[in-house]
Amino acid sequence: MKDGIHPNYREVCFVDQSNGFKFVTRSTLNSKETVTMEDGRVLPFVKLETTSESHPFYTGTQKSIDSLGGRVEKFRNKFARLGINK
């Protein structure tokens, strides 16, 4: 591989803003912020809004749309008082 053409690939600390969950992985992202880890390492710091620790799909708090009924059923329930026939 040629020298000087690849981005700097290093360890980066990502933090979930909704619950404070931290994880370290390797990345080429640039960040002006740094964080000192418990073991003394100083790593670039990237804030995330959603991770697998807070996303409803991964946490199991996702609501199922199928249990709410279909679109036609919702329409019929909404306009049942107007006397619209099936």
N, C-alpha and C. Protein backbone atom coordinates (compact mmCIF):
# COMPACT_ATOMS: atom_id res chain seq x y z
N MET A 1 0.84 -1.18 0.00
CA MET A 1 0.00 0.00 0.00
C MET A 1 0.88 1.24 0.00
N LYS A 2 0.39 2.29 -0.60
CA LYS A 2 1.15 3.53 -0.67
C LYS A 2 1.05 4.27 0.66
N ASP A 3 2.14 4.88 1.05
CA ASP A 3 2.16 5.67 2.28
C ASP A 3 1.55 7.04 2.05
N GLY A 4 0.84 7.56 3.08
CA GLY A 4 0.33 8.92 3.05
C GLY A 4 -0.98 9.13 2.34
N ILE A 5 -1.62 8.09 1.81
CA ILE A 5 -2.90 8.29 1.11
C ILE A 5 -4.09 7.75 1.89
N HIS A 6 -3.83 7.01 2.96
CA HIS A 6 -4.92 6.40 3.73
C HIS A 6 -5.22 7.24 4.97
N PRO A 7 -6.50 7.30 5.39
CA PRO A 7 -6.83 8.05 6.61
C PRO A 7 -6.28 7.35 7.85
N ASN A 8 -6.16 8.10 8.93
CA ASN A 8 -5.64 7.58 10.19
C ASN A 8 -6.68 6.65 10.82
N TYR A 9 -6.36 5.37 10.91
CA TYR A 9 -7.26 4.35 11.47
C TYR A 9 -6.82 4.07 12.89
N ARG A 10 -7.65 4.46 13.87
CA ARG A 10 -7.26 4.37 15.27
C ARG A 10 -8.48 4.06 16.13
N GLU A 11 -8.24 3.83 17.42
CA GLU A 11 -9.34 3.59 18.35
C GLU A 11 -10.06 4.90 18.64
N VAL A 12 -11.40 4.83 18.68
CA VAL A 12 -12.25 5.99 18.93
C VAL A 12 -13.31 5.57 19.94
N CYS A 13 -13.65 6.46 20.88
CA CYS A 13 -14.69 6.20 21.87
C CYS A 13 -16.00 6.83 21.39
N PHE A 14 -17.03 6.02 21.27
CA PHE A 14 -18.36 6.49 20.90
C PHE A 14 -19.24 6.48 22.14
N VAL A 15 -20.06 7.53 22.31
CA VAL A 15 -20.93 7.66 23.48
C VAL A 15 -22.35 7.91 23.04
N ASP A 16 -23.28 7.11 23.56
CA ASP A 16 -24.71 7.29 23.31
C ASP A 16 -25.21 8.41 24.20
N GLN A 17 -25.74 9.48 23.61
CA GLN A 17 -26.18 10.64 24.39
C GLN A 17 -27.44 10.37 25.20
N SER A 18 -28.25 9.39 24.80
CA SER A 18 -29.50 9.16 25.51
C SER A 18 -29.31 8.40 26.82
N ASN A 19 -28.27 7.54 26.90
CA ASN A 19 -28.12 6.78 28.14
C ASN A 19 -26.68 6.72 28.66
N GLY A 20 -25.73 7.36 27.97
CA GLY A 20 -24.35 7.41 28.45
C GLY A 20 -23.53 6.16 28.17
N PHE A 21 -24.04 5.22 27.38
CA PHE A 21 -23.32 4.00 27.05
C PHE A 21 -22.09 4.33 26.20
N LYS A 22 -20.92 3.82 26.60
CA LYS A 22 -19.68 4.06 25.88
C LYS A 22 -19.17 2.75 25.28
N PHE A 23 -18.59 2.85 24.09
CA PHE A 23 -17.88 1.71 23.52
C PHE A 23 -16.73 2.22 22.67
N VAL A 24 -15.68 1.41 22.63
CA VAL A 24 -14.47 1.77 21.89
C VAL A 24 -14.34 0.83 20.71
N THR A 25 -14.11 1.41 19.54
CA THR A 25 -13.87 0.63 18.33
C THR A 25 -12.88 1.39 17.46
N ARG A 26 -12.42 0.76 16.42
CA ARG A 26 -11.48 1.42 15.53
C ARG A 26 -12.25 2.12 14.43
N SER A 27 -11.80 3.35 14.07
CA SER A 27 -12.50 4.15 13.09
C SER A 27 -11.55 5.17 12.48
N THR A 28 -11.96 5.76 11.37
CA THR A 28 -11.20 6.84 10.74
C THR A 28 -11.85 8.20 10.97
N LEU A 29 -12.91 8.25 11.78
CA LEU A 29 -13.59 9.52 12.05
C LEU A 29 -12.66 10.51 12.75
N ASN A 30 -12.77 11.77 12.35
CA ASN A 30 -12.01 12.82 13.01
C ASN A 30 -12.88 13.50 14.05
N SER A 31 -12.29 13.84 15.18
CA SER A 31 -13.02 14.51 16.24
C SER A 31 -12.09 15.48 16.95
N LYS A 32 -12.61 16.65 17.29
CA LYS A 32 -11.82 17.63 18.04
C LYS A 32 -11.86 17.35 19.53
N GLU A 33 -12.88 16.60 19.97
CA GLU A 33 -13.02 16.28 21.39
C GLU A 33 -12.26 15.01 21.73
N THR A 34 -11.75 14.94 22.96
CA THR A 34 -11.09 13.73 23.45
C THR A 34 -11.66 13.36 24.81
N VAL A 35 -11.46 12.11 25.19
CA VAL A 35 -11.92 11.62 26.48
C VAL A 35 -10.82 10.73 27.05
N THR A 36 -10.64 10.80 28.36
CA THR A 36 -9.67 9.94 29.03
C THR A 36 -10.43 8.73 29.59
N MET A 37 -10.01 7.56 29.16
CA MET A 37 -10.66 6.32 29.59
C MET A 37 -10.18 5.93 30.98
N GLU A 38 -10.84 4.95 31.59
CA GLU A 38 -10.50 4.51 32.95
C GLU A 38 -9.08 3.95 33.03
N ASP A 39 -8.59 3.40 31.92
CA ASP A 39 -7.24 2.83 31.92
C ASP A 39 -6.16 3.84 31.56
N GLY A 40 -6.53 5.12 31.40
CA GLY A 40 -5.57 6.19 31.15
C GLY A 40 -5.38 6.56 29.68
N ARG A 41 -5.99 5.81 28.76
CA ARG A 41 -5.86 6.15 27.34
C ARG A 41 -6.65 7.40 27.02
N VAL A 42 -6.11 8.25 26.17
CA VAL A 42 -6.81 9.44 25.68
C VAL A 42 -7.23 9.14 24.25
N LEU A 43 -8.55 9.10 24.04
CA LEU A 43 -9.11 8.72 22.74
C LEU A 43 -9.97 9.83 22.17
N PRO A 44 -10.07 9.90 20.84
CA PRO A 44 -11.05 10.81 20.23
C PRO A 44 -12.45 10.42 20.68
N PHE A 45 -13.34 11.40 20.78
CA PHE A 45 -14.65 11.24 21.39
C PHE A 45 -15.73 11.62 20.37
N VAL A 46 -16.65 10.70 20.06
CA VAL A 46 -17.73 10.96 19.11
C VAL A 46 -19.06 10.71 19.80
N LYS A 47 -19.98 11.68 19.72
CA LYS A 47 -21.31 11.56 20.33
C LYS A 47 -22.29 11.00 19.30
N LEU A 48 -23.12 10.03 19.74
CA LEU A 48 -24.15 9.43 18.89
C LEU A 48 -25.51 9.61 19.54
N GLU A 49 -26.54 9.76 18.72
CA GLU A 49 -27.90 9.90 19.25
C GLU A 49 -28.52 8.55 19.56
N THR A 50 -28.23 7.55 18.74
CA THR A 50 -28.83 6.23 18.91
C THR A 50 -27.78 5.15 18.69
N THR A 51 -27.76 4.17 19.59
CA THR A 51 -26.91 2.99 19.43
C THR A 51 -27.77 1.76 19.67
N SER A 52 -27.15 0.60 19.64
CA SER A 52 -27.90 -0.63 19.89
C SER A 52 -28.41 -0.70 21.33
N GLU A 53 -27.85 0.09 22.23
CA GLU A 53 -28.30 0.11 23.62
C GLU A 53 -29.57 0.94 23.82
N SER A 54 -29.88 1.84 22.86
CA SER A 54 -31.04 2.70 23.04
C SER A 54 -32.07 2.60 21.92
N HIS A 55 -31.76 1.95 20.81
CA HIS A 55 -32.70 1.85 19.69
C HIS A 55 -33.81 0.86 20.04
N PRO A 56 -35.08 1.23 19.78
CA PRO A 56 -36.21 0.36 20.14
C PRO A 56 -36.16 -1.04 19.51
N PHE A 57 -35.62 -1.16 18.32
CA PHE A 57 -35.56 -2.48 17.68
C PHE A 57 -34.68 -3.43 18.48
N TYR A 58 -33.55 -2.95 18.99
CA TYR A 58 -32.62 -3.80 19.71
C TYR A 58 -32.99 -3.98 21.18
N THR A 59 -33.69 -3.02 21.76
CA THR A 59 -34.04 -3.12 23.18
C THR A 59 -35.35 -3.87 23.40
N GLY A 60 -36.14 -4.11 22.35
CA GLY A 60 -37.39 -4.84 22.48
C GLY A 60 -38.56 -3.98 22.89
N THR A 61 -38.43 -2.67 22.86
CA THR A 61 -39.52 -1.78 23.24
C THR A 61 -40.28 -1.25 22.02
N GLN A 62 -40.01 -1.84 20.86
CA GLN A 62 -40.67 -1.41 19.64
C GLN A 62 -42.13 -1.83 19.64
N LYS A 63 -43.02 -0.96 19.20
CA LYS A 63 -44.44 -1.27 19.10
C LYS A 63 -44.71 -1.94 17.76
N SER A 64 -45.52 -2.96 17.78
CA SER A 64 -45.87 -3.66 16.55
C SER A 64 -47.04 -2.95 15.89
N ILE A 65 -46.89 -2.61 14.65
CA ILE A 65 -47.96 -1.93 13.91
C ILE A 65 -49.08 -2.90 13.57
N ASP A 66 -48.76 -4.19 13.42
CA ASP A 66 -49.77 -5.19 13.07
C ASP A 66 -50.86 -5.30 14.13
N SER A 67 -50.51 -5.09 15.40
CA SER A 67 -51.49 -5.22 16.46
C SER A 67 -52.46 -4.04 16.50
N LEU A 68 -52.14 -2.97 15.81
CA LEU A 68 -53.00 -1.79 15.80
C LEU A 68 -54.08 -1.87 14.73
N GLY A 69 -54.03 -2.83 13.85
CA GLY A 69 -55.02 -2.97 12.78
C GLY A 69 -54.50 -2.37 11.50
N GLY A 70 -55.14 -2.75 10.39
CA GLY A 70 -54.72 -2.25 9.09
C GLY A 70 -55.27 -0.87 8.81
N ARG A 71 -54.88 -0.32 7.67
CA ARG A 71 -55.31 1.02 7.29
C ARG A 71 -56.81 1.10 7.04
N VAL A 72 -57.33 0.08 6.39
CA VAL A 72 -58.77 0.07 6.10
C VAL A 72 -59.56 0.00 7.40
N GLU A 73 -59.11 -0.84 8.34
CA GLU A 73 -59.80 -0.97 9.62
C GLU A 73 -59.74 0.34 10.41
N LYS A 74 -58.61 1.01 10.38
CA LYS A 74 -58.49 2.31 11.06
C LYS A 74 -59.45 3.32 10.45
N PHE A 75 -59.56 3.33 9.11
CA PHE A 75 -60.47 4.25 8.42
C PHE A 75 -61.91 3.97 8.82
N ARG A 76 -62.29 2.72 8.83
CA ARG A 76 -63.67 2.36 9.18
C ARG A 76 -63.98 2.74 10.63
N ASN A 77 -63.04 2.52 11.53
CA ASN A 77 -63.27 2.89 12.92
C ASN A 77 -63.37 4.40 13.09
N LYS A 78 -62.58 5.13 12.34
CA LYS A 78 -62.56 6.59 12.46
C LYS A 78 -63.87 7.20 11.96
N PHE A 79 -64.40 6.68 10.84
CA PHE A 79 -65.58 7.27 10.23
C PHE A 79 -66.85 6.45 10.44
N ALA A 80 -66.88 5.55 11.41
CA ALA A 80 -68.05 4.71 11.68
C ALA A 80 -69.23 5.56 12.13
N ARG A 81 -68.97 6.63 12.84
CA ARG A 81 -70.07 7.47 13.34
C ARG A 81 -70.79 8.24 12.24
N LEU A 82 -70.18 8.37 11.06
CA LEU A 82 -70.81 9.09 9.95
C LEU A 82 -71.77 8.21 9.14
N GLY A 83 -71.76 6.93 9.43
CA GLY A 83 -72.70 6.04 8.75
C GLY A 83 -72.20 5.51 7.43
N ILE A 84 -70.91 5.46 7.22
CA ILE A 84 -70.36 4.91 5.98
C ILE A 84 -70.47 3.40 6.05
N ASN A 85 -71.09 2.80 5.04
CA ASN A 85 -71.28 1.35 5.02
C ASN A 85 -70.05 0.64 4.45
N LYS A 86 -69.93 -0.63 4.83
CA LYS A 86 -68.82 -1.44 4.33
C LYS A 86 -69.05 -1.75 2.91
